[in-house]
N, C-alpha and C. Protein backbone atom coordinates (compact mmCIF):
# COMPACT_ATOMS: atom_id res chain seq x y z
N MET A 1 60.68 -38.42 65.40
CA MET A 1 60.49 -38.20 63.98
C MET A 1 61.84 -38.25 63.28
N THR A 2 61.89 -38.92 62.14
CA THR A 2 63.13 -38.93 61.36
C THR A 2 63.26 -37.63 60.58
N ASP A 3 64.46 -37.37 60.08
CA ASP A 3 64.67 -36.17 59.26
C ASP A 3 63.78 -36.20 58.02
N ALA A 4 63.59 -37.38 57.43
CA ALA A 4 62.73 -37.50 56.24
C ALA A 4 61.28 -37.16 56.58
N GLU A 5 60.81 -37.62 57.74
CA GLU A 5 59.44 -37.30 58.17
C GLU A 5 59.29 -35.81 58.44
N ILE A 6 60.31 -35.21 59.06
CA ILE A 6 60.29 -33.77 59.31
C ILE A 6 60.25 -33.03 57.98
N PHE A 7 61.09 -33.44 57.02
CA PHE A 7 61.12 -32.80 55.71
C PHE A 7 59.72 -32.81 55.08
N ASN A 8 59.06 -33.95 55.10
CA ASN A 8 57.72 -34.07 54.50
C ASN A 8 56.70 -33.19 55.21
N ALA A 9 56.76 -33.15 56.54
CA ALA A 9 55.81 -32.32 57.30
C ALA A 9 56.07 -30.84 57.05
N VAL A 10 57.34 -30.46 57.02
CA VAL A 10 57.72 -29.07 56.78
C VAL A 10 57.32 -28.64 55.36
N GLU A 11 57.51 -29.54 54.41
CA GLU A 11 57.16 -29.24 53.02
C GLU A 11 55.69 -28.85 52.89
N LYS A 12 54.83 -29.53 53.63
CA LYS A 12 53.39 -29.20 53.61
C LYS A 12 53.14 -27.81 54.16
N VAL A 13 53.85 -27.44 55.22
CA VAL A 13 53.69 -26.10 55.81
C VAL A 13 54.18 -25.03 54.83
N PHE A 14 55.26 -25.32 54.11
CA PHE A 14 55.74 -24.39 53.09
C PHE A 14 54.68 -24.18 52.01
N GLU A 15 54.05 -25.27 51.57
CA GLU A 15 53.06 -25.20 50.49
C GLU A 15 51.79 -24.45 50.92
N THR A 16 51.34 -24.70 52.15
CA THR A 16 50.05 -24.14 52.59
C THR A 16 50.14 -22.79 53.28
N ASP A 17 51.26 -22.51 53.94
CA ASP A 17 51.35 -21.30 54.77
C ASP A 17 52.48 -20.35 54.38
N ILE A 18 53.69 -20.88 54.32
CA ILE A 18 54.86 -20.01 54.18
C ILE A 18 54.97 -19.38 52.79
N ASN A 19 54.99 -20.20 51.75
CA ASN A 19 55.17 -19.64 50.41
C ASN A 19 54.01 -18.76 49.95
N PRO A 20 52.76 -19.08 50.26
CA PRO A 20 51.71 -18.13 49.90
C PRO A 20 51.90 -16.76 50.56
N ALA A 21 52.36 -16.74 51.81
CA ALA A 21 52.60 -15.47 52.50
C ALA A 21 53.78 -14.71 51.88
N LEU A 22 54.85 -15.42 51.58
CA LEU A 22 56.04 -14.77 50.99
C LEU A 22 55.77 -14.30 49.57
N ALA A 23 54.92 -15.00 48.85
CA ALA A 23 54.61 -14.62 47.47
C ALA A 23 54.00 -13.23 47.41
N GLY A 24 53.29 -12.82 48.45
CA GLY A 24 52.71 -11.49 48.52
C GLY A 24 53.77 -10.38 48.54
N HIS A 25 55.00 -10.76 48.85
CA HIS A 25 56.12 -9.82 48.88
C HIS A 25 57.09 -10.08 47.73
N GLY A 26 56.67 -10.88 46.77
CA GLY A 26 57.52 -11.19 45.62
C GLY A 26 58.62 -12.18 45.91
N GLY A 27 58.45 -12.96 46.96
CA GLY A 27 59.50 -13.91 47.34
C GLY A 27 58.99 -15.30 47.53
N GLY A 28 59.82 -16.11 48.10
CA GLY A 28 59.49 -17.49 48.39
C GLY A 28 60.62 -18.12 49.18
N ALA A 29 60.46 -19.40 49.49
CA ALA A 29 61.49 -20.13 50.22
C ALA A 29 61.40 -21.59 49.86
N LYS A 30 62.54 -22.27 49.96
CA LYS A 30 62.54 -23.70 49.72
C LYS A 30 63.38 -24.39 50.77
N ILE A 31 63.05 -25.63 51.04
CA ILE A 31 63.80 -26.44 51.99
C ILE A 31 65.00 -26.99 51.25
N VAL A 32 66.18 -26.76 51.79
CA VAL A 32 67.40 -27.31 51.19
C VAL A 32 67.60 -28.73 51.70
N THR A 33 67.53 -28.90 53.01
CA THR A 33 67.69 -30.21 53.62
C THR A 33 67.23 -30.14 55.08
N VAL A 34 67.14 -31.31 55.69
CA VAL A 34 66.89 -31.42 57.12
C VAL A 34 67.97 -32.34 57.68
N LYS A 35 68.72 -31.84 58.65
CA LYS A 35 69.78 -32.63 59.29
C LYS A 35 69.63 -32.51 60.79
N GLU A 36 69.52 -33.64 61.45
CA GLU A 36 69.43 -33.68 62.91
C GLU A 36 68.34 -32.75 63.43
N SER A 37 67.18 -32.79 62.79
CA SER A 37 66.00 -32.00 63.16
C SER A 37 66.16 -30.49 62.94
N ARG A 38 67.19 -30.11 62.21
CA ARG A 38 67.40 -28.71 61.85
C ARG A 38 67.05 -28.54 60.38
N VAL A 39 66.24 -27.54 60.08
CA VAL A 39 65.75 -27.32 58.73
C VAL A 39 66.57 -26.20 58.08
N TYR A 40 67.20 -26.51 56.97
CA TYR A 40 67.99 -25.54 56.21
C TYR A 40 67.11 -24.99 55.10
N VAL A 41 66.95 -23.66 55.09
CA VAL A 41 66.01 -23.00 54.18
C VAL A 41 66.74 -21.96 53.34
N GLU A 42 66.38 -21.90 52.07
CA GLU A 42 66.92 -20.90 51.16
C GLU A 42 65.79 -19.96 50.74
N LEU A 43 65.99 -18.67 50.98
CA LEU A 43 65.02 -17.67 50.54
C LEU A 43 65.22 -17.39 49.06
N GLN A 44 64.12 -17.07 48.37
CA GLN A 44 64.18 -16.86 46.94
C GLN A 44 63.48 -15.57 46.56
N GLY A 45 63.68 -15.15 45.31
CA GLY A 45 63.00 -13.98 44.78
C GLY A 45 63.29 -12.74 45.60
N GLY A 46 62.24 -11.97 45.89
CA GLY A 46 62.38 -10.72 46.62
C GLY A 46 62.87 -10.89 48.04
N CYS A 47 62.82 -12.10 48.58
CA CYS A 47 63.27 -12.34 49.95
C CYS A 47 64.79 -12.47 50.03
N ARG A 48 65.42 -12.86 48.92
CA ARG A 48 66.88 -13.03 48.90
C ARG A 48 67.53 -11.66 49.01
N GLY A 49 68.35 -11.48 50.03
CA GLY A 49 69.06 -10.23 50.21
C GLY A 49 68.24 -9.12 50.84
N CYS A 50 66.99 -9.39 51.17
CA CYS A 50 66.11 -8.40 51.78
C CYS A 50 66.61 -8.04 53.18
N MET A 51 66.44 -6.79 53.54
CA MET A 51 66.86 -6.33 54.87
C MET A 51 66.11 -7.07 56.00
N GLY A 52 64.89 -7.50 55.71
CA GLY A 52 64.09 -8.19 56.72
C GLY A 52 64.24 -9.70 56.68
N ALA A 53 65.21 -10.22 55.92
CA ALA A 53 65.35 -11.68 55.75
C ALA A 53 65.58 -12.40 57.08
N ARG A 54 66.42 -11.86 57.92
CA ARG A 54 66.71 -12.52 59.21
C ARG A 54 65.45 -12.58 60.07
N MET A 55 64.70 -11.49 60.09
CA MET A 55 63.47 -11.45 60.87
C MET A 55 62.45 -12.44 60.29
N THR A 56 62.35 -12.47 58.96
CA THR A 56 61.43 -13.41 58.31
C THR A 56 61.80 -14.83 58.68
N MET A 57 63.08 -15.15 58.66
CA MET A 57 63.55 -16.52 58.93
C MET A 57 63.26 -16.92 60.37
N LYS A 58 63.62 -16.08 61.34
CA LYS A 58 63.50 -16.46 62.75
C LYS A 58 62.09 -16.22 63.31
N ASN A 59 61.52 -15.04 63.06
CA ASN A 59 60.23 -14.70 63.66
C ASN A 59 59.05 -15.23 62.85
N GLY A 60 59.27 -15.51 61.59
CA GLY A 60 58.19 -16.00 60.74
C GLY A 60 58.29 -17.49 60.50
N ILE A 61 59.27 -17.88 59.68
CA ILE A 61 59.39 -19.28 59.26
C ILE A 61 59.69 -20.20 60.43
N GLU A 62 60.71 -19.89 61.23
CA GLU A 62 61.08 -20.77 62.35
C GLU A 62 59.94 -20.89 63.36
N ARG A 63 59.34 -19.77 63.71
CA ARG A 63 58.25 -19.80 64.69
C ARG A 63 57.11 -20.68 64.21
N LEU A 64 56.71 -20.50 62.95
CA LEU A 64 55.59 -21.27 62.40
C LEU A 64 55.92 -22.75 62.30
N LEU A 65 57.14 -23.07 61.84
CA LEU A 65 57.51 -24.49 61.72
C LEU A 65 57.56 -25.18 63.08
N LYS A 66 58.13 -24.51 64.08
CA LYS A 66 58.18 -25.11 65.42
C LYS A 66 56.78 -25.33 65.98
N GLU A 67 55.86 -24.43 65.64
CA GLU A 67 54.48 -24.54 66.10
C GLU A 67 53.77 -25.72 65.42
N LYS A 68 53.95 -25.85 64.12
CA LYS A 68 53.22 -26.87 63.34
C LYS A 68 53.94 -28.21 63.30
N VAL A 69 55.27 -28.21 63.44
CA VAL A 69 56.06 -29.45 63.43
C VAL A 69 57.00 -29.39 64.64
N PRO A 70 56.51 -29.77 65.81
CA PRO A 70 57.29 -29.62 67.05
C PRO A 70 58.66 -30.31 67.05
N ALA A 71 58.88 -31.26 66.15
CA ALA A 71 60.18 -31.94 66.09
C ALA A 71 61.28 -31.04 65.54
N VAL A 72 60.92 -29.91 64.93
CA VAL A 72 61.92 -28.98 64.38
C VAL A 72 62.63 -28.28 65.54
N LEU A 73 63.96 -28.41 65.56
CA LEU A 73 64.75 -27.76 66.61
C LEU A 73 65.13 -26.34 66.25
N GLU A 74 65.44 -26.13 64.96
CA GLU A 74 65.95 -24.82 64.53
C GLU A 74 65.78 -24.71 63.02
N VAL A 75 65.69 -23.47 62.55
CA VAL A 75 65.70 -23.20 61.12
C VAL A 75 66.97 -22.40 60.83
N ILE A 76 67.73 -22.86 59.85
CA ILE A 76 69.00 -22.24 59.50
C ILE A 76 68.91 -21.65 58.11
N ASP A 77 69.33 -20.41 57.99
CA ASP A 77 69.30 -19.71 56.70
C ASP A 77 70.45 -20.21 55.83
N ALA A 78 70.12 -20.87 54.73
CA ALA A 78 71.12 -21.39 53.79
C ALA A 78 71.21 -20.52 52.54
N THR A 79 70.64 -19.32 52.61
CA THR A 79 70.58 -18.42 51.47
C THR A 79 71.91 -17.72 51.25
N ASN A 80 72.30 -17.58 49.99
CA ASN A 80 73.45 -16.75 49.65
C ASN A 80 72.91 -15.33 49.46
N HIS A 81 73.07 -14.49 50.48
CA HIS A 81 72.52 -13.13 50.43
C HIS A 81 73.44 -12.15 49.69
N GLY A 82 74.55 -12.65 49.17
CA GLY A 82 75.53 -11.79 48.52
C GLY A 82 75.20 -11.43 47.15
């Protein structure tokens, strides 16, 4: 799968699964880019700077993306939590 194909597949998972779940906590996430099968994600709203952001990124978003889009190698947090 190319990075562009991964981006498109991941975008669908964000629309149908990830963002609806995060919206329940006042947050959201967006794909910044995909490079070499690694997905760079920025958390938004209530998720930005949240104490559980790392857990959300690795145990939630990364796990789900790897399950639904097996070509994803890793999810990298591109959020400015400062």
